């Protein structure tokens, strides 16, 4: 099992304005009762969407202009709050293939990387330019190039950043730690057989 290599992600953007959007808002806590991630996309921003709809204002995820968009634009400290991995799972299952923003919670970014969902950072003025561009030209694609570390929308190209280890994992297709373990079961067995504390305990790696 080899993880999918990611060097370029492209798609129409969906601008989600606001700082400090936490995981409880991304996916309400009541969805944590599920024993699988299946169907989580139905609850993405559910409470925020209902609150705005009651005021006659469409949430970005309900705005017809951004239907089918796959690149999420966010502001500062996105994914803060609890460490639940349900948040990036829900976004990914909704159709988000990459997130571009000012900054992220470290845990959220790590949970996203574990499922091959890139989270790249840009300067605040670059994020504002991309959001304004998305609102003015909702059909215009953004191209996120992890090789060049750039985001291009129309005639404008902006530098992006992410931890070098995360970028390398995406480019090399090594972001799926579980998949790597399954690919190397015999090697794991071999190492486990040489560990004295496992021998003494009588435990066996199967």
N, C-alpha and C. Protein backbone atom coordinates (compact mmCIF):
# COMPACT_ATOMS: atom_id res chain seq x y z
N UNK A 1 0.85 -1.19 0.00
CA UNK A 1 0.00 0.00 0.00
C UNK A 1 0.89 1.24 0.00
N UNK A 2 0.84 2.03 -1.06
CA UNK A 2 1.66 3.23 -1.17
C UNK A 2 0.76 4.45 -1.16
N UNK A 3 1.11 5.45 -0.35
CA UNK A 3 0.32 6.67 -0.30
C UNK A 3 0.39 7.40 -1.63
N UNK A 4 -0.66 8.13 -1.92
CA UNK A 4 -0.70 8.91 -3.14
C UNK A 4 0.26 10.10 -3.03
N UNK A 5 1.10 10.27 -4.03
CA UNK A 5 2.01 11.41 -4.06
C UNK A 5 1.25 12.66 -4.48
N UNK A 6 1.54 13.76 -3.82
CA UNK A 6 0.87 15.02 -4.12
C UNK A 6 1.91 16.09 -4.42
N UNK A 7 1.94 16.55 -5.65
CA UNK A 7 2.83 17.65 -5.97
C UNK A 7 2.06 18.89 -6.42
N UNK A 8 0.83 18.67 -6.88
CA UNK A 8 0.01 19.80 -7.31
C UNK A 8 -1.47 19.51 -7.04
N UNK A 9 -2.14 20.49 -6.48
CA UNK A 9 -3.58 20.38 -6.23
C UNK A 9 -4.24 21.59 -6.85
N UNK A 10 -5.29 21.37 -7.60
CA UNK A 10 -5.97 22.50 -8.24
C UNK A 10 -7.47 22.36 -8.08
N UNK A 11 -8.14 23.48 -8.04
CA UNK A 11 -9.59 23.48 -7.92
C UNK A 11 -10.12 24.86 -7.62
N UNK A 12 -11.41 24.99 -7.67
CA UNK A 12 -12.02 26.28 -7.35
C UNK A 12 -12.01 26.47 -5.83
N UNK A 13 -11.84 27.71 -5.39
CA UNK A 13 -11.75 27.97 -3.95
C UNK A 13 -13.08 28.30 -3.30
N UNK A 14 -13.14 28.04 -1.98
CA UNK A 14 -14.27 28.46 -1.17
C UNK A 14 -13.70 29.30 -0.02
N UNK A 15 -14.00 30.61 0.00
CA UNK A 15 -13.44 31.49 1.04
C UNK A 15 -14.26 31.41 2.33
N UNK A 16 -13.61 31.08 3.42
CA UNK A 16 -14.26 30.99 4.73
C UNK A 16 -13.60 32.01 5.65
N UNK A 17 -14.22 33.14 5.80
CA UNK A 17 -13.61 34.24 6.56
C UNK A 17 -13.80 34.05 8.06
N UNK A 18 -12.81 34.48 8.83
CA UNK A 18 -12.90 34.43 10.28
C UNK A 18 -11.69 33.80 10.92
N UNK A 19 -11.21 34.41 12.00
CA UNK A 19 -10.08 33.87 12.74
C UNK A 19 -10.56 32.88 13.80
N UNK A 20 -9.64 32.00 14.22
CA UNK A 20 -9.87 31.09 15.36
C UNK A 20 -11.12 30.21 15.19
N UNK A 21 -11.34 29.72 14.01
CA UNK A 21 -12.45 28.78 13.77
C UNK A 21 -12.02 27.42 14.31
N UNK A 22 -12.70 26.98 15.37
CA UNK A 22 -12.24 25.77 16.06
C UNK A 22 -12.93 24.51 15.54
N UNK A 23 -12.43 23.37 16.03
CA UNK A 23 -12.93 22.09 15.54
C UNK A 23 -14.38 21.83 15.96
N UNK A 24 -14.83 22.45 17.05
CA UNK A 24 -16.23 22.30 17.44
C UNK A 24 -17.16 22.95 16.43
N UNK A 25 -16.69 23.99 15.78
CA UNK A 25 -17.49 24.64 14.74
C UNK A 25 -17.39 23.87 13.43
N UNK A 26 -16.22 23.33 13.15
CA UNK A 26 -16.05 22.57 11.91
C UNK A 26 -16.97 21.35 11.91
N UNK A 27 -16.98 20.62 13.02
CA UNK A 27 -17.86 19.46 13.15
C UNK A 27 -18.34 19.40 14.60
N UNK A 28 -19.62 19.63 14.85
CA UNK A 28 -20.14 19.66 16.22
C UNK A 28 -19.85 18.38 17.00
N UNK A 29 -19.70 18.53 18.32
CA UNK A 29 -19.28 17.42 19.18
C UNK A 29 -20.24 16.24 19.13
N UNK A 30 -21.50 16.47 18.82
CA UNK A 30 -22.47 15.35 18.82
C UNK A 30 -22.12 14.31 17.76
N UNK A 31 -21.33 14.70 16.75
CA UNK A 31 -20.96 13.75 15.70
C UNK A 31 -19.85 12.81 16.16
N UNK A 32 -19.27 13.07 17.31
CA UNK A 32 -18.22 12.18 17.82
C UNK A 32 -18.78 10.86 18.32
N UNK A 33 -20.10 10.75 18.42
CA UNK A 33 -20.71 9.50 18.86
C UNK A 33 -20.58 8.41 17.81
N UNK A 34 -20.32 8.82 16.55
CA UNK A 34 -20.19 7.82 15.48
C UNK A 34 -18.92 7.00 15.66
N UNK A 35 -19.00 5.73 15.29
CA UNK A 35 -17.85 4.85 15.43
C UNK A 35 -16.98 4.83 14.17
N UNK A 36 -17.45 5.45 13.09
CA UNK A 36 -16.65 5.59 11.87
C UNK A 36 -16.75 7.04 11.41
N UNK A 37 -15.92 7.39 10.44
CA UNK A 37 -15.95 8.75 9.89
C UNK A 37 -16.97 8.88 8.76
N UNK A 38 -17.57 7.79 8.38
CA UNK A 38 -18.49 7.79 7.24
C UNK A 38 -19.67 8.74 7.48
N UNK A 39 -19.93 9.59 6.51
CA UNK A 39 -21.07 10.50 6.60
C UNK A 39 -20.81 11.77 7.37
N UNK A 40 -19.59 11.98 7.85
CA UNK A 40 -19.29 13.19 8.64
C UNK A 40 -19.50 14.47 7.84
N UNK A 41 -19.35 14.37 6.52
CA UNK A 41 -19.47 15.57 5.69
C UNK A 41 -20.84 16.25 5.85
N UNK A 42 -21.85 15.48 6.25
CA UNK A 42 -23.19 16.06 6.43
C UNK A 42 -23.24 17.05 7.58
N UNK A 43 -22.30 16.93 8.53
CA UNK A 43 -22.32 17.81 9.69
C UNK A 43 -21.36 18.97 9.64
N UNK A 44 -20.63 19.14 8.53
CA UNK A 44 -19.64 20.20 8.44
C UNK A 44 -20.29 21.57 8.66
N UNK A 45 -19.79 22.29 9.66
CA UNK A 45 -20.28 23.64 9.99
C UNK A 45 -21.81 23.68 10.18
N UNK A 46 -22.38 22.59 10.63
CA UNK A 46 -23.84 22.50 10.71
C UNK A 46 -24.45 23.61 11.55
N UNK A 47 -23.90 23.87 12.73
CA UNK A 47 -24.48 24.90 13.60
C UNK A 47 -24.30 26.29 13.02
N UNK A 48 -23.11 26.58 12.48
CA UNK A 48 -22.87 27.88 11.86
C UNK A 48 -23.79 28.09 10.66
N UNK A 49 -23.99 27.05 9.88
CA UNK A 49 -24.82 27.16 8.68
C UNK A 49 -26.28 27.42 9.05
N UNK A 50 -26.75 26.73 10.09
CA UNK A 50 -28.13 26.93 10.53
C UNK A 50 -28.34 28.33 11.10
N UNK A 51 -27.36 28.81 11.87
CA UNK A 51 -27.47 30.13 12.48
C UNK A 51 -27.51 31.22 11.41
N UNK A 52 -26.68 31.10 10.40
CA UNK A 52 -26.67 32.09 9.33
C UNK A 52 -27.93 31.99 8.47
N UNK A 53 -28.38 30.77 8.21
CA UNK A 53 -29.60 30.59 7.41
C UNK A 53 -30.80 31.23 8.09
N UNK A 54 -30.85 31.18 9.43
CA UNK A 54 -31.96 31.79 10.17
C UNK A 54 -31.97 33.30 10.00
N UNK A 55 -30.81 33.85 9.69
CA UNK A 55 -30.71 35.30 9.46
C UNK A 55 -30.80 35.65 7.98
N UNK A 56 -31.00 34.64 7.16
CA UNK A 56 -31.11 34.87 5.72
C UNK A 56 -29.79 35.09 5.03
N UNK A 57 -28.71 34.64 5.67
CA UNK A 57 -27.36 34.82 5.11
C UNK A 57 -26.77 33.44 4.81
N UNK A 58 -26.33 33.18 3.59
CA UNK A 58 -25.77 31.86 3.30
C UNK A 58 -24.36 31.70 3.84
N UNK A 59 -24.10 30.59 4.49
CA UNK A 59 -22.74 30.23 4.87
C UNK A 59 -21.96 29.93 3.59
N UNK A 60 -20.65 30.09 3.64
CA UNK A 60 -19.84 29.83 2.45
C UNK A 60 -20.07 28.43 1.90
N UNK A 61 -20.33 27.45 2.80
CA UNK A 61 -20.55 26.08 2.35
C UNK A 61 -21.96 25.88 1.79
N UNK A 62 -22.81 26.90 1.87
CA UNK A 62 -24.15 26.84 1.29
C UNK A 62 -24.30 27.81 0.12
N UNK A 63 -23.27 28.60 -0.14
CA UNK A 63 -23.32 29.60 -1.19
C UNK A 63 -23.22 28.92 -2.55
N UNK A 64 -24.22 29.13 -3.39
CA UNK A 64 -24.26 28.47 -4.70
C UNK A 64 -23.03 28.79 -5.56
N UNK A 65 -22.41 29.95 -5.33
CA UNK A 65 -21.23 30.33 -6.11
C UNK A 65 -20.07 29.36 -5.90
N UNK A 66 -20.02 28.74 -4.73
CA UNK A 66 -18.88 27.90 -4.39
C UNK A 66 -19.21 26.41 -4.39
N UNK A 67 -20.36 26.05 -4.96
CA UNK A 67 -20.74 24.65 -5.01
C UNK A 67 -19.72 23.87 -5.85
N UNK A 68 -19.20 22.79 -5.29
CA UNK A 68 -18.21 21.98 -5.99
C UNK A 68 -16.78 22.45 -5.80
N UNK A 69 -16.59 23.53 -5.03
CA UNK A 69 -15.23 24.03 -4.78
C UNK A 69 -14.47 23.03 -3.91
N UNK A 70 -13.15 22.99 -4.07
CA UNK A 70 -12.37 21.98 -3.36
C UNK A 70 -11.14 22.52 -2.62
N UNK A 71 -10.81 23.79 -2.80
CA UNK A 71 -9.70 24.39 -2.07
C UNK A 71 -10.27 25.38 -1.06
N UNK A 72 -10.02 25.13 0.21
CA UNK A 72 -10.59 25.95 1.28
C UNK A 72 -9.62 27.06 1.66
N UNK A 73 -10.11 28.29 1.66
CA UNK A 73 -9.32 29.46 2.06
C UNK A 73 -9.75 29.88 3.46
N UNK A 74 -8.79 30.00 4.39
CA UNK A 74 -9.11 30.32 5.78
C UNK A 74 -8.16 31.39 6.30
N UNK A 75 -8.50 31.91 7.47
CA UNK A 75 -7.67 32.94 8.08
C UNK A 75 -6.75 32.35 9.16
N UNK A 76 -6.63 33.05 10.28
CA UNK A 76 -5.64 32.70 11.29
C UNK A 76 -6.13 31.65 12.29
N UNK A 77 -5.23 30.73 12.66
CA UNK A 77 -5.47 29.74 13.73
C UNK A 77 -6.66 28.84 13.42
N UNK A 78 -6.75 28.40 12.20
CA UNK A 78 -7.84 27.52 11.80
C UNK A 78 -7.65 26.13 12.42
N UNK A 79 -8.74 25.54 12.89
CA UNK A 79 -8.68 24.20 13.46
C UNK A 79 -8.18 24.16 14.89
N UNK A 80 -8.29 25.29 15.60
CA UNK A 80 -7.87 25.32 17.00
C UNK A 80 -8.90 24.58 17.86
N UNK A 81 -8.67 24.51 19.15
CA UNK A 81 -9.62 23.84 20.04
C UNK A 81 -9.24 22.39 20.25
N UNK A 82 -10.24 21.53 20.34
CA UNK A 82 -10.00 20.12 20.65
C UNK A 82 -9.21 19.45 19.53
N UNK A 83 -8.61 18.31 19.87
CA UNK A 83 -7.69 17.64 18.93
C UNK A 83 -8.37 16.63 18.02
N UNK A 84 -9.69 16.62 17.99
CA UNK A 84 -10.40 15.59 17.24
C UNK A 84 -10.02 15.55 15.76
N UNK A 85 -9.74 14.35 15.28
CA UNK A 85 -9.41 14.19 13.87
C UNK A 85 -10.65 14.20 12.99
N UNK A 86 -11.83 14.23 13.62
CA UNK A 86 -13.08 14.29 12.86
C UNK A 86 -13.16 15.55 12.00
N UNK A 87 -12.51 16.64 12.45
CA UNK A 87 -12.62 17.91 11.71
C UNK A 87 -12.02 17.81 10.31
N UNK A 88 -10.74 17.44 10.15
CA UNK A 88 -10.23 17.30 8.78
C UNK A 88 -10.90 16.17 8.01
N UNK A 89 -11.31 15.11 8.72
CA UNK A 89 -12.02 14.03 8.04
C UNK A 89 -13.32 14.54 7.42
N UNK A 90 -14.06 15.34 8.18
CA UNK A 90 -15.34 15.87 7.68
C UNK A 90 -15.11 16.78 6.48
N UNK A 91 -14.11 17.65 6.57
CA UNK A 91 -13.82 18.56 5.46
C UNK A 91 -13.40 17.79 4.21
N UNK A 92 -12.54 16.80 4.41
CA UNK A 92 -12.06 16.02 3.27
C UNK A 92 -13.20 15.25 2.61
N UNK A 93 -14.08 14.70 3.43
CA UNK A 93 -15.21 13.94 2.89
C UNK A 93 -16.23 14.86 2.23
N UNK A 94 -16.26 16.10 2.64
CA UNK A 94 -17.14 17.08 1.99
C UNK A 94 -16.62 17.42 0.58
N UNK A 95 -15.30 17.27 0.39
CA UNK A 95 -14.72 17.52 -0.93
C UNK A 95 -13.51 18.43 -0.92
N UNK A 96 -13.04 18.82 0.27
CA UNK A 96 -11.86 19.70 0.36
C UNK A 96 -10.60 18.88 0.11
N UNK A 97 -9.78 19.31 -0.83
CA UNK A 97 -8.56 18.58 -1.17
C UNK A 97 -7.29 19.31 -0.74
N UNK A 98 -7.42 20.56 -0.29
CA UNK A 98 -6.28 21.31 0.25
C UNK A 98 -6.82 22.53 0.97
N UNK A 99 -6.06 23.00 1.96
CA UNK A 99 -6.46 24.18 2.72
C UNK A 99 -5.33 25.21 2.65
N UNK A 100 -5.69 26.44 2.32
CA UNK A 100 -4.73 27.54 2.24
C UNK A 100 -5.17 28.62 3.22
N UNK A 101 -4.30 28.99 4.15
CA UNK A 101 -4.69 29.97 5.15
C UNK A 101 -3.50 30.63 5.81
N UNK A 102 -3.80 31.49 6.78
CA UNK A 102 -2.74 32.20 7.48
C UNK A 102 -1.98 31.28 8.44
N UNK A 103 -2.71 30.52 9.26
CA UNK A 103 -2.06 29.60 10.19
C UNK A 103 -3.07 28.59 10.70
N UNK A 104 -2.55 27.52 11.34
CA UNK A 104 -3.39 26.41 11.79
C UNK A 104 -2.95 25.96 13.17
N UNK A 105 -3.87 25.29 13.85
CA UNK A 105 -3.47 24.55 15.04
C UNK A 105 -2.52 23.44 14.60
N UNK A 106 -1.46 23.21 15.37
CA UNK A 106 -0.50 22.17 15.01
C UNK A 106 -1.16 20.79 14.93
N UNK A 107 -2.06 20.52 15.88
CA UNK A 107 -2.72 19.20 15.89
C UNK A 107 -3.62 19.05 14.67
N UNK A 108 -4.36 20.09 14.32
CA UNK A 108 -5.22 20.03 13.14
C UNK A 108 -4.38 19.77 11.89
N UNK A 109 -3.26 20.49 11.75
CA UNK A 109 -2.41 20.32 10.58
C UNK A 109 -1.84 18.90 10.54
N UNK A 110 -1.47 18.36 11.71
CA UNK A 110 -0.95 17.00 11.76
C UNK A 110 -2.00 15.96 11.40
N UNK A 111 -3.22 16.14 11.91
CA UNK A 111 -4.32 15.23 11.56
C UNK A 111 -4.64 15.30 10.08
N UNK A 112 -4.52 16.48 9.50
CA UNK A 112 -4.79 16.65 8.07
C UNK A 112 -3.72 15.94 7.24
N UNK A 113 -2.46 16.11 7.65
CA UNK A 113 -1.36 15.46 6.92
C UNK A 113 -1.53 13.95 6.93
N UNK A 114 -2.00 13.39 8.05
CA UNK A 114 -2.15 11.94 8.18
C UNK A 114 -3.14 11.36 7.19
N UNK A 115 -3.94 12.22 6.55
CA UNK A 115 -4.88 11.73 5.55
C UNK A 115 -4.61 12.34 4.17
N UNK A 116 -3.43 12.96 4.02
CA UNK A 116 -3.04 13.50 2.73
C UNK A 116 -3.74 14.78 2.35
N UNK A 117 -4.13 15.58 3.36
CA UNK A 117 -4.81 16.85 3.12
C UNK A 117 -3.82 17.98 3.42
N UNK A 118 -3.24 18.62 2.40
CA UNK A 118 -2.24 19.66 2.63
C UNK A 118 -2.84 20.90 3.30
N UNK A 119 -2.10 21.44 4.27
CA UNK A 119 -2.44 22.72 4.90
C UNK A 119 -1.24 23.64 4.71
N UNK A 120 -1.37 24.62 3.82
CA UNK A 120 -0.26 25.53 3.56
C UNK A 120 -0.59 26.91 4.09
N UNK A 121 0.47 27.66 4.43
CA UNK A 121 0.29 28.99 5.01
C UNK A 121 0.74 30.06 4.03
N UNK A 122 0.03 31.19 4.08
CA UNK A 122 0.36 32.35 3.26
C UNK A 122 0.31 33.59 4.15
N UNK A 123 0.91 34.67 3.68
CA UNK A 123 0.82 35.95 4.38
C UNK A 123 -0.64 36.41 4.39
N UNK A 124 -1.01 37.19 5.39
CA UNK A 124 -2.41 37.61 5.53
C UNK A 124 -2.90 38.39 4.32
N UNK A 125 -2.03 39.21 3.74
CA UNK A 125 -2.48 39.97 2.57
C UNK A 125 -2.69 39.07 1.36
N UNK A 126 -1.91 37.99 1.26
CA UNK A 126 -2.09 37.04 0.17
C UNK A 126 -3.40 36.28 0.34
N UNK A 127 -3.72 35.89 1.59
CA UNK A 127 -5.00 35.21 1.85
C UNK A 127 -6.15 36.13 1.50
N UNK A 128 -6.06 37.39 1.89
CA UNK A 128 -7.12 38.35 1.58
C UNK A 128 -7.29 38.51 0.07
N UNK A 129 -6.18 38.55 -0.65
CA UNK A 129 -6.25 38.68 -2.11
C UNK A 129 -6.92 37.45 -2.74
N UNK A 130 -6.59 36.27 -2.24
CA UNK A 130 -7.20 35.05 -2.77
C UNK A 130 -8.69 34.99 -2.44
N UNK A 131 -9.05 35.39 -1.21
CA UNK A 131 -10.47 35.39 -0.83
C UNK A 131 -11.27 36.38 -1.67
N UNK A 132 -10.72 37.59 -1.81
CA UNK A 132 -11.41 38.60 -2.61
C UNK A 132 -11.53 38.14 -4.06
N UNK A 133 -10.48 37.50 -4.56
CA UNK A 133 -10.52 36.98 -5.92
C UNK A 133 -11.55 35.89 -6.09
N UNK A 134 -11.66 35.02 -5.07
CA UNK A 134 -12.65 33.95 -5.13
C UNK A 134 -14.06 34.50 -5.12
N UNK A 135 -14.29 35.54 -4.34
CA UNK A 135 -15.63 36.14 -4.27
C UNK A 135 -15.98 36.88 -5.56
N UNK A 136 -14.96 37.47 -6.20
CA UNK A 136 -15.21 38.19 -7.45
C UNK A 136 -15.25 37.27 -8.65
N UNK A 137 -14.46 36.19 -8.60
CA UNK A 137 -14.38 35.26 -9.74
C UNK A 137 -14.49 33.82 -9.20
N UNK A 138 -15.66 33.40 -8.78
CA UNK A 138 -15.82 32.09 -8.15
C UNK A 138 -15.51 30.91 -9.06
N UNK A 139 -15.45 31.12 -10.37
CA UNK A 139 -15.16 30.03 -11.30
C UNK A 139 -13.66 29.90 -11.59
N UNK A 140 -12.86 30.82 -11.05
CA UNK A 140 -11.41 30.79 -11.31
C UNK A 140 -10.73 29.78 -10.40
N UNK A 141 -9.94 28.91 -10.99
CA UNK A 141 -9.22 27.90 -10.21
C UNK A 141 -7.98 28.49 -9.53
N UNK A 142 -7.60 27.84 -8.44
CA UNK A 142 -6.31 28.09 -7.80
C UNK A 142 -5.47 26.85 -8.01
N UNK A 143 -4.21 27.04 -8.34
CA UNK A 143 -3.27 25.93 -8.49
C UNK A 143 -2.27 26.00 -7.34
N UNK A 144 -2.31 24.99 -6.47
CA UNK A 144 -1.35 24.88 -5.38
C UNK A 144 -0.24 23.94 -5.82
N UNK A 145 0.96 24.47 -5.94
CA UNK A 145 2.10 23.69 -6.41
C UNK A 145 3.05 23.46 -5.23
N UNK A 146 3.08 22.23 -4.72
CA UNK A 146 3.92 21.91 -3.57
C UNK A 146 5.38 21.75 -3.95
N UNK A 147 5.65 21.54 -5.23
CA UNK A 147 7.03 21.49 -5.70
C UNK A 147 7.66 22.86 -5.68
N UNK A 148 6.94 23.83 -6.21
CA UNK A 148 7.42 25.21 -6.26
C UNK A 148 7.04 26.01 -5.02
N UNK A 149 6.11 25.47 -4.23
CA UNK A 149 5.60 26.14 -3.04
C UNK A 149 4.98 27.50 -3.41
N UNK A 150 4.01 27.42 -4.32
CA UNK A 150 3.30 28.60 -4.77
C UNK A 150 1.81 28.29 -4.88
N UNK A 151 1.01 29.36 -4.83
CA UNK A 151 -0.42 29.27 -5.11
C UNK A 151 -0.72 30.30 -6.18
N UNK A 152 -1.30 29.85 -7.28
CA UNK A 152 -1.55 30.75 -8.41
C UNK A 152 -3.04 30.82 -8.70
N UNK A 153 -3.53 32.05 -8.79
CA UNK A 153 -4.93 32.30 -9.16
C UNK A 153 -4.93 33.36 -10.25
N UNK A 154 -5.32 32.96 -11.45
CA UNK A 154 -5.28 33.90 -12.56
C UNK A 154 -3.87 34.41 -12.77
N UNK A 155 -3.68 35.74 -12.84
CA UNK A 155 -2.34 36.29 -13.09
C UNK A 155 -1.50 36.42 -11.82
N UNK A 156 -2.04 36.06 -10.68
CA UNK A 156 -1.35 36.29 -9.41
C UNK A 156 -0.79 34.99 -8.82
N UNK A 157 0.47 35.05 -8.41
CA UNK A 157 1.13 33.92 -7.77
C UNK A 157 1.68 34.35 -6.42
N UNK A 158 1.42 33.54 -5.39
CA UNK A 158 1.84 33.86 -4.04
C UNK A 158 2.68 32.72 -3.47
N UNK A 159 3.71 33.05 -2.69
CA UNK A 159 4.50 31.99 -2.03
C UNK A 159 3.71 31.37 -0.88
N UNK A 160 3.86 30.07 -0.69
CA UNK A 160 3.23 29.38 0.43
C UNK A 160 4.32 28.68 1.24
N UNK A 161 4.00 28.36 2.49
CA UNK A 161 4.94 27.64 3.34
C UNK A 161 4.23 26.50 4.04
N UNK A 162 5.02 25.51 4.45
CA UNK A 162 4.55 24.42 5.30
C UNK A 162 5.81 23.76 5.87
N UNK A 163 5.70 23.02 6.95
CA UNK A 163 6.87 22.35 7.48
C UNK A 163 7.53 21.46 6.42
N UNK A 164 8.87 21.47 6.39
CA UNK A 164 9.59 20.72 5.37
C UNK A 164 9.26 19.23 5.43
N UNK A 165 9.10 18.69 6.64
CA UNK A 165 8.80 17.26 6.77
C UNK A 165 7.43 16.92 6.18
N UNK A 166 6.45 17.82 6.38
CA UNK A 166 5.11 17.60 5.83
C UNK A 166 5.14 17.67 4.31
N UNK A 167 5.85 18.66 3.79
CA UNK A 167 5.96 18.80 2.33
C UNK A 167 6.61 17.56 1.72
N UNK A 168 7.69 17.08 2.34
CA UNK A 168 8.39 15.92 1.82
C UNK A 168 7.49 14.69 1.83
N UNK A 169 6.73 14.53 2.92
CA UNK A 169 5.83 13.37 3.03
C UNK A 169 4.79 13.38 1.92
N UNK A 170 4.26 14.55 1.59
CA UNK A 170 3.26 14.66 0.53
C UNK A 170 3.89 14.42 -0.85
N UNK A 171 5.05 15.01 -1.07
CA UNK A 171 5.71 14.85 -2.37
C UNK A 171 6.16 13.41 -2.60
N UNK A 172 6.62 12.74 -1.53
CA UNK A 172 7.13 11.38 -1.67
C UNK A 172 6.06 10.31 -1.47
N UNK A 173 4.86 10.73 -1.03
CA UNK A 173 3.80 9.76 -0.81
C UNK A 173 4.00 8.93 0.44
N UNK A 174 4.63 9.53 1.47
CA UNK A 174 4.88 8.79 2.71
C UNK A 174 4.05 9.35 3.87
N UNK A 175 2.97 10.05 3.57
CA UNK A 175 2.17 10.69 4.62
C UNK A 175 1.29 9.69 5.37
N UNK A 176 1.04 8.51 4.78
CA UNK A 176 0.16 7.53 5.42
C UNK A 176 0.99 6.58 6.28
N UNK A 177 1.13 6.89 7.59
CA UNK A 177 1.96 6.08 8.48
C UNK A 177 1.44 4.65 8.61
N UNK A 178 0.11 4.48 8.65
CA UNK A 178 -0.46 3.14 8.74
C UNK A 178 -0.13 2.32 7.50
N UNK A 179 -0.23 2.96 6.36
CA UNK A 179 0.10 2.28 5.11
C UNK A 179 1.56 1.85 5.06
N UNK A 180 2.45 2.71 5.58
CA UNK A 180 3.86 2.36 5.61
C UNK A 180 4.12 1.14 6.50
N UNK A 181 3.43 1.09 7.63
CA UNK A 181 3.57 -0.07 8.51
C UNK A 181 3.11 -1.34 7.81
N UNK A 182 1.96 -1.26 7.14
CA UNK A 182 1.43 -2.45 6.45
C UNK A 182 2.33 -2.89 5.31
N UNK A 183 3.04 -1.94 4.71
CA UNK A 183 3.97 -2.27 3.63
C UNK A 183 5.23 -2.96 4.14
N UNK A 184 5.49 -2.84 5.44
CA UNK A 184 6.75 -3.33 5.98
C UNK A 184 6.55 -4.27 7.17
N UNK A 185 5.52 -5.11 7.09
CA UNK A 185 5.20 -6.01 8.20
C UNK A 185 6.35 -6.97 8.50
N UNK A 186 6.98 -7.53 7.48
CA UNK A 186 8.06 -8.49 7.71
C UNK A 186 9.25 -7.83 8.38
N UNK A 187 9.55 -6.60 7.99
CA UNK A 187 10.65 -5.88 8.62
C UNK A 187 10.33 -5.60 10.09
N UNK A 188 9.09 -5.27 10.38
CA UNK A 188 8.67 -5.02 11.76
C UNK A 188 8.81 -6.30 12.58
N UNK A 189 8.39 -7.41 12.02
CA UNK A 189 8.52 -8.69 12.72
C UNK A 189 9.98 -9.00 13.02
N UNK A 190 10.85 -8.71 12.05
CA UNK A 190 12.27 -8.99 12.21
C UNK A 190 12.87 -8.15 13.34
N UNK A 191 12.52 -6.87 13.37
CA UNK A 191 13.03 -6.00 14.43
C UNK A 191 12.47 -6.43 15.79
N UNK A 192 11.18 -6.72 15.83
CA UNK A 192 10.54 -7.13 17.08
C UNK A 192 11.18 -8.39 17.65
N UNK A 193 11.59 -9.30 16.77
CA UNK A 193 12.19 -10.56 17.23
C UNK A 193 13.54 -10.35 17.89
N UNK A 194 14.19 -9.20 17.57
CA UNK A 194 15.51 -8.93 18.14
C UNK A 194 15.46 -8.10 19.41
N UNK A 195 14.29 -7.63 19.79
CA UNK A 195 14.17 -6.78 20.97
C UNK A 195 14.13 -7.65 22.23
N UNK A 196 15.11 -7.49 23.11
CA UNK A 196 15.19 -8.38 24.28
C UNK A 196 13.98 -8.29 25.20
N UNK A 197 13.40 -7.09 25.36
CA UNK A 197 12.27 -6.99 26.28
C UNK A 197 11.03 -7.70 25.74
N UNK A 198 10.92 -7.82 24.42
CA UNK A 198 9.81 -8.60 23.86
C UNK A 198 10.06 -10.10 24.05
N UNK A 199 11.33 -10.51 23.87
CA UNK A 199 11.66 -11.93 24.09
C UNK A 199 11.37 -12.33 25.53
N UNK A 200 11.80 -11.48 26.46
CA UNK A 200 11.63 -11.80 27.89
C UNK A 200 10.17 -11.84 28.31
N UNK A 201 9.36 -10.99 27.65
CA UNK A 201 7.95 -10.93 28.03
C UNK A 201 7.15 -12.10 27.46
N UNK A 202 7.71 -12.74 26.45
CA UNK A 202 7.00 -13.83 25.81
C UNK A 202 5.98 -13.37 24.79
N UNK A 203 5.92 -12.04 24.56
CA UNK A 203 4.98 -11.51 23.58
C UNK A 203 5.50 -11.75 22.17
N UNK A 204 4.59 -11.94 21.26
CA UNK A 204 4.96 -12.14 19.87
C UNK A 204 4.24 -11.12 19.00
N UNK A 205 4.98 -10.64 18.01
CA UNK A 205 4.37 -9.73 17.04
C UNK A 205 3.78 -10.55 15.91
N UNK A 206 2.47 -10.44 15.70
CA UNK A 206 1.82 -11.24 14.66
C UNK A 206 1.25 -10.33 13.59
